[in-house]
Amino acid sequence: MNIIAKKPASRVFLGTAVLLMIPAIAMQFTREVNWGPGDFLVAAVLLIGAGLLFQAAVSRLTTRRSRFVAGSAVVLGLLLVWAELAVGIFH
């Protein structure tokens, strides 16, 4: 068994790195994606925070339904914060 399978937090960090590669690669091919270092930092903090929060919830909850509700709440919160930072929907 490798270290990624043993440590749930390492999966979160690896997943975040993979997701952040999408805009990093897109920036090489188009001018429409224009992220600065601060954008990557905020996105990393949001994704890592949401991933670790989800992992903590899943480890403590026992029923499938409660895990689904917790996961949905984490994803909804992440999307709301992301949308607010991107376009200011609550402005």
N, C-alpha and C. Protein backbone atom coordinates (compact mmCIF):
# COMPACT_ATOMS: atom_id res chain seq x y z
N MET A 1 0.83 -1.18 0.00
CA MET A 1 0.00 0.00 0.00
C MET A 1 0.88 1.25 0.00
N ASN A 2 0.55 2.20 -0.83
CA ASN A 2 1.39 3.40 -0.89
C ASN A 2 0.93 4.43 0.14
N ILE A 3 1.70 5.49 0.27
CA ILE A 3 1.42 6.50 1.29
C ILE A 3 0.13 7.27 1.00
N ILE A 4 -0.24 7.43 -0.26
CA ILE A 4 -1.46 8.17 -0.60
C ILE A 4 -2.69 7.43 -0.09
N ALA A 5 -2.69 6.13 -0.16
CA ALA A 5 -3.83 5.35 0.33
C ALA A 5 -3.91 5.37 1.85
N LYS A 6 -2.79 5.55 2.54
CA LYS A 6 -2.78 5.52 4.00
C LYS A 6 -3.19 6.85 4.62
N LYS A 7 -2.93 7.94 3.97
CA LYS A 7 -3.17 9.26 4.53
C LYS A 7 -4.24 10.01 3.73
N PRO A 8 -5.44 10.15 4.29
CA PRO A 8 -6.49 10.87 3.57
C PRO A 8 -6.11 12.32 3.27
N ALA A 9 -5.35 12.96 4.16
CA ALA A 9 -4.96 14.35 3.92
C ALA A 9 -4.06 14.46 2.69
N SER A 10 -3.23 13.46 2.45
CA SER A 10 -2.36 13.52 1.27
C SER A 10 -3.18 13.45 -0.01
N ARG A 11 -4.31 12.74 0.04
CA ARG A 11 -5.20 12.72 -1.13
C ARG A 11 -5.77 14.11 -1.39
N VAL A 12 -6.10 14.82 -0.33
CA VAL A 12 -6.64 16.18 -0.48
C VAL A 12 -5.60 17.08 -1.12
N PHE A 13 -4.35 17.01 -0.65
CA PHE A 13 -3.30 17.85 -1.21
C PHE A 13 -3.01 17.47 -2.67
N LEU A 14 -2.99 16.19 -2.97
CA LEU A 14 -2.74 15.75 -4.34
C LEU A 14 -3.89 16.18 -5.25
N GLY A 15 -5.12 16.02 -4.79
CA GLY A 15 -6.28 16.43 -5.58
C GLY A 15 -6.28 17.93 -5.83
N THR A 16 -5.90 18.70 -4.82
CA THR A 16 -5.82 20.15 -4.98
C THR A 16 -4.76 20.51 -6.02
N ALA A 17 -3.63 19.87 -5.96
CA ALA A 17 -2.56 20.15 -6.93
C ALA A 17 -3.02 19.82 -8.35
N VAL A 18 -3.71 18.71 -8.51
CA VAL A 18 -4.21 18.32 -9.83
C VAL A 18 -5.23 19.34 -10.33
N LEU A 19 -6.15 19.75 -9.47
CA LEU A 19 -7.16 20.73 -9.88
C LEU A 19 -6.53 22.08 -10.23
N LEU A 20 -5.51 22.48 -9.50
CA LEU A 20 -4.86 23.76 -9.79
C LEU A 20 -4.00 23.72 -11.05
N MET A 21 -3.69 22.53 -11.51
CA MET A 21 -2.95 22.42 -12.77
C MET A 21 -3.83 22.81 -13.95
N ILE A 22 -5.15 22.69 -13.81
CA ILE A 22 -6.05 23.02 -14.91
C ILE A 22 -5.91 24.49 -15.31
N PRO A 23 -6.08 25.46 -14.39
CA PRO A 23 -5.88 26.85 -14.82
C PRO A 23 -4.42 27.16 -15.17
N ALA A 24 -3.47 26.49 -14.51
CA ALA A 24 -2.06 26.74 -14.82
C ALA A 24 -1.75 26.35 -16.26
N ILE A 25 -2.28 25.22 -16.70
CA ILE A 25 -2.07 24.80 -18.09
C ILE A 25 -2.87 25.67 -19.05
N ALA A 26 -4.11 26.00 -18.67
CA ALA A 26 -4.95 26.82 -19.54
C ALA A 26 -4.31 28.19 -19.78
N MET A 27 -3.60 28.72 -18.79
CA MET A 27 -2.95 30.02 -18.96
C MET A 27 -1.89 29.99 -20.05
N GLN A 28 -1.37 28.81 -20.36
CA GLN A 28 -0.36 28.69 -21.40
C GLN A 28 -0.94 28.78 -22.81
N PHE A 29 -2.27 28.55 -22.92
CA PHE A 29 -2.89 28.46 -24.24
C PHE A 29 -3.90 29.56 -24.54
N THR A 30 -4.35 30.29 -23.52
CA THR A 30 -5.35 31.33 -23.76
C THR A 30 -5.12 32.50 -22.82
N ARG A 31 -5.53 33.66 -23.27
CA ARG A 31 -5.44 34.86 -22.43
C ARG A 31 -6.67 35.03 -21.54
N GLU A 32 -7.68 34.23 -21.75
CA GLU A 32 -8.91 34.34 -20.97
C GLU A 32 -8.75 33.82 -19.55
N VAL A 33 -7.78 32.97 -19.33
CA VAL A 33 -7.46 32.51 -17.97
C VAL A 33 -6.23 33.29 -17.54
N ASN A 34 -6.41 34.17 -16.57
CA ASN A 34 -5.31 35.04 -16.15
C ASN A 34 -5.26 35.07 -14.62
N TRP A 35 -4.69 34.04 -14.04
CA TRP A 35 -4.57 33.93 -12.59
C TRP A 35 -3.20 34.40 -12.15
N GLY A 36 -3.18 35.08 -11.03
CA GLY A 36 -1.92 35.48 -10.41
C GLY A 36 -1.60 34.55 -9.25
N PRO A 37 -0.46 34.76 -8.62
CA PRO A 37 -0.10 33.91 -7.48
C PRO A 37 -1.14 33.95 -6.36
N GLY A 38 -1.73 35.11 -6.12
CA GLY A 38 -2.75 35.23 -5.09
C GLY A 38 -3.99 34.40 -5.40
N ASP A 39 -4.35 34.34 -6.67
CA ASP A 39 -5.50 33.52 -7.08
C ASP A 39 -5.25 32.05 -6.80
N PHE A 40 -4.05 31.59 -7.12
CA PHE A 40 -3.71 30.19 -6.85
C PHE A 40 -3.67 29.91 -5.35
N LEU A 41 -3.17 30.86 -4.59
CA LEU A 41 -3.11 30.69 -3.14
C LEU A 41 -4.52 30.58 -2.53
N VAL A 42 -5.41 31.49 -2.93
CA VAL A 42 -6.78 31.47 -2.40
C VAL A 42 -7.49 30.19 -2.82
N ALA A 43 -7.33 29.80 -4.07
CA ALA A 43 -7.96 28.57 -4.55
C ALA A 43 -7.42 27.36 -3.78
N ALA A 44 -6.13 27.33 -3.53
CA ALA A 44 -5.54 26.21 -2.79
C ALA A 44 -6.08 26.15 -1.37
N VAL A 45 -6.16 27.30 -0.71
CA VAL A 45 -6.69 27.34 0.66
C VAL A 45 -8.14 26.87 0.68
N LEU A 46 -8.95 27.34 -0.26
CA LEU A 46 -10.35 26.92 -0.32
C LEU A 46 -10.49 25.42 -0.57
N LEU A 47 -9.77 24.92 -1.55
CA LEU A 47 -9.88 23.50 -1.88
C LEU A 47 -9.33 22.59 -0.78
N ILE A 48 -8.21 22.96 -0.21
CA ILE A 48 -7.64 22.15 0.88
C ILE A 48 -8.56 22.21 2.10
N GLY A 49 -9.05 23.39 2.42
CA GLY A 49 -9.96 23.53 3.55
C GLY A 49 -11.22 22.70 3.38
N ALA A 50 -11.81 22.77 2.20
CA ALA A 50 -13.03 22.00 1.94
C ALA A 50 -12.74 20.51 1.97
N GLY A 51 -11.62 20.10 1.40
CA GLY A 51 -11.26 18.68 1.39
C GLY A 51 -11.02 18.13 2.78
N LEU A 52 -10.29 18.88 3.59
CA LEU A 52 -10.02 18.43 4.96
C LEU A 52 -11.28 18.44 5.81
N LEU A 53 -12.13 19.43 5.60
CA LEU A 53 -13.41 19.48 6.32
C LEU A 53 -14.28 18.28 5.95
N PHE A 54 -14.31 17.95 4.68
CA PHE A 54 -15.07 16.77 4.24
C PHE A 54 -14.49 15.49 4.83
N GLN A 55 -13.18 15.35 4.82
CA GLN A 55 -12.55 14.16 5.39
C GLN A 55 -12.86 14.04 6.88
N ALA A 56 -12.84 15.16 7.60
CA ALA A 56 -13.15 15.13 9.03
C ALA A 56 -14.60 14.72 9.26
N ALA A 57 -15.50 15.24 8.45
CA ALA A 57 -16.92 14.90 8.59
C ALA A 57 -17.15 13.43 8.29
N VAL A 58 -16.57 12.95 7.22
CA VAL A 58 -16.77 11.54 6.83
C VAL A 58 -16.22 10.59 7.89
N SER A 59 -15.12 10.95 8.51
CA SER A 59 -14.53 10.06 9.51
C SER A 59 -15.37 9.99 10.78
N ARG A 60 -16.19 11.00 11.03
CA ARG A 60 -17.00 11.03 12.25
C ARG A 60 -18.45 10.59 12.04
N LEU A 61 -18.93 10.68 10.82
CA LEU A 61 -20.32 10.32 10.54
C LEU A 61 -20.42 8.87 10.11
N THR A 62 -21.51 8.23 10.50
CA THR A 62 -21.61 6.80 10.24
C THR A 62 -22.59 6.44 9.13
N THR A 63 -23.66 7.20 8.99
CA THR A 63 -24.65 6.82 7.98
C THR A 63 -24.32 7.44 6.64
N ARG A 64 -24.75 6.76 5.61
CA ARG A 64 -24.52 7.25 4.25
C ARG A 64 -25.23 8.59 4.02
N ARG A 65 -26.42 8.71 4.57
CA ARG A 65 -27.19 9.94 4.39
C ARG A 65 -26.50 11.13 5.06
N SER A 66 -26.01 10.94 6.28
CA SER A 66 -25.35 12.05 6.97
C SER A 66 -24.06 12.45 6.25
N ARG A 67 -23.36 11.49 5.69
CA ARG A 67 -22.16 11.82 4.91
C ARG A 67 -22.52 12.60 3.65
N PHE A 68 -23.62 12.21 3.01
CA PHE A 68 -24.06 12.92 1.82
C PHE A 68 -24.44 14.36 2.16
N VAL A 69 -25.18 14.54 3.24
CA VAL A 69 -25.59 15.89 3.65
C VAL A 69 -24.37 16.74 4.00
N ALA A 70 -23.43 16.17 4.74
CA ALA A 70 -22.22 16.91 5.09
C ALA A 70 -21.41 17.26 3.84
N GLY A 71 -21.26 16.31 2.95
CA GLY A 71 -20.54 16.57 1.70
C GLY A 71 -21.21 17.63 0.86
N SER A 72 -22.52 17.58 0.79
CA SER A 72 -23.28 18.58 0.03
C SER A 72 -23.11 19.97 0.64
N ALA A 73 -23.13 20.04 1.98
CA ALA A 73 -22.94 21.33 2.65
C ALA A 73 -21.55 21.90 2.39
N VAL A 74 -20.55 21.04 2.42
CA VAL A 74 -19.18 21.49 2.16
C VAL A 74 -19.04 22.00 0.72
N VAL A 75 -19.57 21.24 -0.23
CA VAL A 75 -19.49 21.64 -1.64
C VAL A 75 -20.26 22.94 -1.88
N LEU A 76 -21.45 23.05 -1.30
CA LEU A 76 -22.25 24.28 -1.46
C LEU A 76 -21.51 25.48 -0.88
N GLY A 77 -20.94 25.30 0.30
CA GLY A 77 -20.17 26.39 0.90
C GLY A 77 -18.98 26.79 0.05
N LEU A 78 -18.27 25.81 -0.47
CA LEU A 78 -17.12 26.08 -1.34
C LEU A 78 -17.56 26.86 -2.58
N LEU A 79 -18.63 26.40 -3.21
CA LEU A 79 -19.10 27.07 -4.42
C LEU A 79 -19.59 28.49 -4.15
N LEU A 80 -20.26 28.71 -3.02
CA LEU A 80 -20.71 30.06 -2.69
C LEU A 80 -19.54 31.02 -2.46
N VAL A 81 -18.54 30.56 -1.73
CA VAL A 81 -17.36 31.41 -1.50
C VAL A 81 -16.63 31.66 -2.80
N TRP A 82 -16.48 30.61 -3.62
CA TRP A 82 -15.78 30.76 -4.91
C TRP A 82 -16.51 31.76 -5.81
N ALA A 83 -17.84 31.64 -5.88
CA ALA A 83 -18.62 32.55 -6.72
C ALA A 83 -18.54 33.99 -6.21
N GLU A 84 -18.56 34.16 -4.91
CA GLU A 84 -18.44 35.49 -4.34
C GLU A 84 -17.08 36.11 -4.67
N LEU A 85 -16.03 35.34 -4.55
CA LEU A 85 -14.71 35.85 -4.87
C LEU A 85 -14.54 36.12 -6.36
N ALA A 86 -15.20 35.31 -7.19
CA ALA A 86 -15.03 35.45 -8.64
C ALA A 86 -15.82 36.63 -9.20
N VAL A 87 -17.07 36.75 -8.81
CA VAL A 87 -17.91 37.79 -9.43
C VAL A 87 -18.68 38.66 -8.44
N GLY A 88 -18.59 38.36 -7.17
CA GLY A 88 -19.27 39.18 -6.18
C GLY A 88 -20.79 39.06 -6.24
N ILE A 89 -21.33 37.86 -6.13
CA ILE A 89 -22.78 37.67 -6.26
C ILE A 89 -23.55 38.25 -5.08
N PHE A 90 -22.93 38.44 -3.93
CA PHE A 90 -23.63 38.99 -2.77
C PHE A 90 -23.31 40.48 -2.57
N HIS A 91 -22.74 41.08 -3.51
CA HIS A 91 -22.28 42.46 -3.44
C HIS A 91 -23.36 43.44 -3.40
